[in-house]
Amino acid sequence: MENRVVGFKSREVYEAPPAALTLIEVHRDLEKLVYTPLEYRFKKIVDQAWTDLVYGGLWHEPLREELEGLIKAMNKWVSGVVKVKVFGGLTILGRESPYASYSKDLVDYVSGWYPSEEEARGGFIKMHVLHSLTAYRVRHRA
């Protein structure tokens, strides 16, 4: 069931080539690796807005072009390798990117960042921004 542009409910069946769906899924997986949590949530909103415009036939809507510019700018950092298994569905086996905002040194349970007692009192602010700082540092090295 879906809502048509004019609001009527309708039953629709869409087909999509498996290769195209695979590319979309691995791109999303790279986005999760590269984007900060705030960027990732925002990108989902932008993607939905773009989809709604195109589905509604508003290809020439200036907002669509503006959203595409934003999407292109955000995708500047989305590159890397995603390993997949395609058998009875799609399974992501691994991923890597030079712009990954993941840092094993930061999250490792043995040697990761743990606040000192002094930092623990005011450390939430430092911890709260570490994902942003990690992404910033990786992207500004490039």
Protein backbone atom coordinates (compact mmCIF):
# COMPACT_ATOMS: atom_id res chain seq x y z
CA MET A 1 0.00 0.00 0.00
CA GLU A 2 1.17 3.47 -0.70
CA ASN A 3 -0.14 7.01 -0.82
CA ARG A 4 -0.37 8.53 -4.26
CA VAL A 5 0.57 12.17 -4.70
CA VAL A 6 -3.10 13.17 -4.48
CA GLY A 7 -3.55 11.16 -1.27
CA PHE A 8 -5.41 8.09 -2.53
CA LYS A 9 -4.28 4.73 -1.22
CA SER A 10 -3.19 2.30 -3.90
CA ARG A 11 -1.59 -1.10 -4.17
CA GLU A 12 1.65 -0.93 -6.13
CA VAL A 13 4.36 -3.37 -7.05
CA TYR A 14 7.79 -2.06 -7.99
CA GLU A 15 10.73 -3.93 -9.37
CA ALA A 16 14.34 -2.96 -8.98
CA PRO A 17 17.44 -4.65 -10.34
CA PRO A 18 19.31 -6.52 -7.57
CA ALA A 19 22.61 -4.89 -8.58
CA ALA A 20 21.14 -1.41 -8.12
CA LEU A 21 19.72 -2.34 -4.71
CA THR A 22 23.12 -3.76 -3.73
CA LEU A 23 24.86 -0.49 -4.66
CA ILE A 24 22.33 1.52 -2.66
CA GLU A 25 22.77 -0.72 0.39
CA VAL A 26 26.58 -0.67 0.35
CA HIS A 27 26.54 3.11 -0.11
CA ARG A 28 24.33 3.42 3.00
CA ASP A 29 26.72 1.17 4.87
CA LEU A 30 29.65 3.42 3.95
CA GLU A 31 27.63 6.45 5.04
CA LYS A 32 27.21 4.85 8.49
CA LEU A 33 30.98 4.36 8.68
CA VAL A 34 31.93 7.83 7.48
CA TYR A 35 29.25 10.22 8.71
CA THR A 36 28.91 11.41 12.26
CA PRO A 37 25.63 10.37 13.93
CA LEU A 38 24.20 13.85 13.28
CA GLU A 39 25.19 13.79 9.61
CA TYR A 40 23.75 10.30 9.15
CA ARG A 41 20.36 11.24 10.62
CA PHE A 42 20.25 14.46 8.61
CA LYS A 43 21.21 12.68 5.37
CA LYS A 44 18.24 10.33 5.78
CA ILE A 45 15.92 13.36 5.99
CA VAL A 46 17.54 14.95 2.92
CA ASP A 47 17.27 11.70 0.95
CA GLN A 48 13.57 11.38 1.83
CA ALA A 49 12.87 14.99 0.83
CA TRP A 50 14.62 14.45 -2.53
CA THR A 51 12.69 11.21 -3.09
CA ASP A 52 9.36 12.89 -2.32
CA LEU A 53 10.07 15.67 -4.81
CA VAL A 54 11.05 13.28 -7.60
CA TYR A 55 8.18 10.87 -6.90
CA GLY A 56 5.80 13.83 -7.03
CA GLY A 57 7.07 14.81 -10.48
CA LEU A 58 8.79 17.96 -9.22
CA TRP A 59 12.06 17.40 -11.08
CA HIS A 60 12.33 21.10 -11.91
CA GLU A 61 11.69 22.21 -8.33
CA PRO A 62 14.65 24.40 -7.25
CA LEU A 63 14.74 22.61 -3.89
CA ARG A 64 15.56 19.33 -5.67
CA GLU A 65 18.65 20.91 -7.21
CA GLU A 66 19.65 22.43 -3.87
CA LEU A 67 19.23 19.09 -2.12
CA GLU A 68 21.36 17.42 -4.79
CA GLY A 69 24.10 19.96 -4.17
CA LEU A 70 24.01 19.12 -0.46
CA ILE A 71 23.97 15.39 -1.17
CA LYS A 72 26.96 15.76 -3.51
CA ALA A 73 28.88 17.75 -0.89
CA MET A 74 28.15 15.18 1.82
CA ASN A 75 29.04 12.28 -0.48
CA LYS A 76 32.50 13.79 -1.00
CA TRP A 77 33.64 11.72 1.99
CA VAL A 78 31.72 8.53 1.21
CA SER A 79 34.25 6.27 -0.44
CA GLY A 80 35.83 2.99 0.40
CA VAL A 81 35.37 -0.73 0.05
CA VAL A 82 32.42 -2.81 1.22
CA LYS A 83 32.63 -6.59 1.09
CA VAL A 84 29.31 -8.35 0.57
CA LYS A 85 27.91 -11.83 0.33
CA VAL A 86 24.98 -12.21 -2.05
CA PHE A 87 23.20 -15.46 -1.31
CA GLY A 88 19.61 -15.59 -0.16
CA GLY A 89 19.82 -11.85 0.38
CA LEU A 90 22.61 -9.36 0.97
CA THR A 91 25.01 -9.62 3.89
CA ILE A 92 27.64 -6.98 4.61
CA LEU A 93 30.87 -8.77 5.55
CA GLY A 94 33.12 -5.77 6.11
CA ARG A 95 33.88 -2.22 5.17
CA GLU A 96 36.76 0.26 5.17
CA SER A 97 37.21 3.87 4.19
CA PRO A 98 40.02 6.40 4.44
CA TYR A 99 37.38 8.78 5.86
CA ALA A 100 35.93 6.45 8.48
CA SER A 101 35.06 8.33 11.64
CA TYR A 102 35.53 5.06 13.51
CA SER A 103 38.61 4.91 15.69
CA LYS A 104 39.58 1.60 17.31
CA ASP A 105 41.93 3.52 19.60
CA LEU A 106 38.98 5.49 20.88
CA VAL A 107 36.46 2.69 21.45
CA ASP A 108 38.69 -0.26 22.32
CA TYR A 109 37.75 -1.73 25.70
CA VAL A 110 41.39 -2.27 26.62
CA SER A 111 43.10 0.90 25.49
CA GLY A 112 40.20 3.18 24.48
CA TRP A 113 39.40 6.60 25.88
CA TYR A 114 38.34 6.38 29.50
CA PRO A 115 38.06 9.54 31.52
CA SER A 116 40.18 10.19 34.58
CA GLU A 117 38.25 11.00 37.74
CA GLU A 118 38.67 14.70 37.02
CA GLU A 119 37.56 14.28 33.41
CA ALA A 120 34.62 12.14 34.50
CA ARG A 121 33.16 15.08 36.40
CA GLY A 122 33.21 17.33 33.35
CA GLY A 123 34.10 14.70 30.78
CA PHE A 124 30.71 14.19 29.22
CA ILE A 125 31.19 17.27 27.07
CA LYS A 126 34.54 15.94 25.84
CA MET A 127 33.10 12.48 25.22
CA HIS A 128 30.00 13.92 23.55
CA VAL A 129 32.06 15.68 20.85
CA LEU A 130 34.64 12.96 20.21
CA HIS A 131 32.76 11.57 17.19
CA SER A 132 32.73 15.06 15.65
CA LEU A 133 36.41 15.63 16.39
CA THR A 134 37.36 12.24 14.96
CA ALA A 135 35.53 12.93 11.68
CA TYR A 136 36.95 16.46 11.54
CA ARG A 137 40.52 15.24 11.97
CA VAL A 138 40.18 12.47 9.38
CA ARG A 139 38.68 14.81 6.79
CA HIS A 140 41.16 17.62 7.35
CA ARG A 141 44.10 15.26 6.88
CA ALA A 142 42.83 14.61 3.34
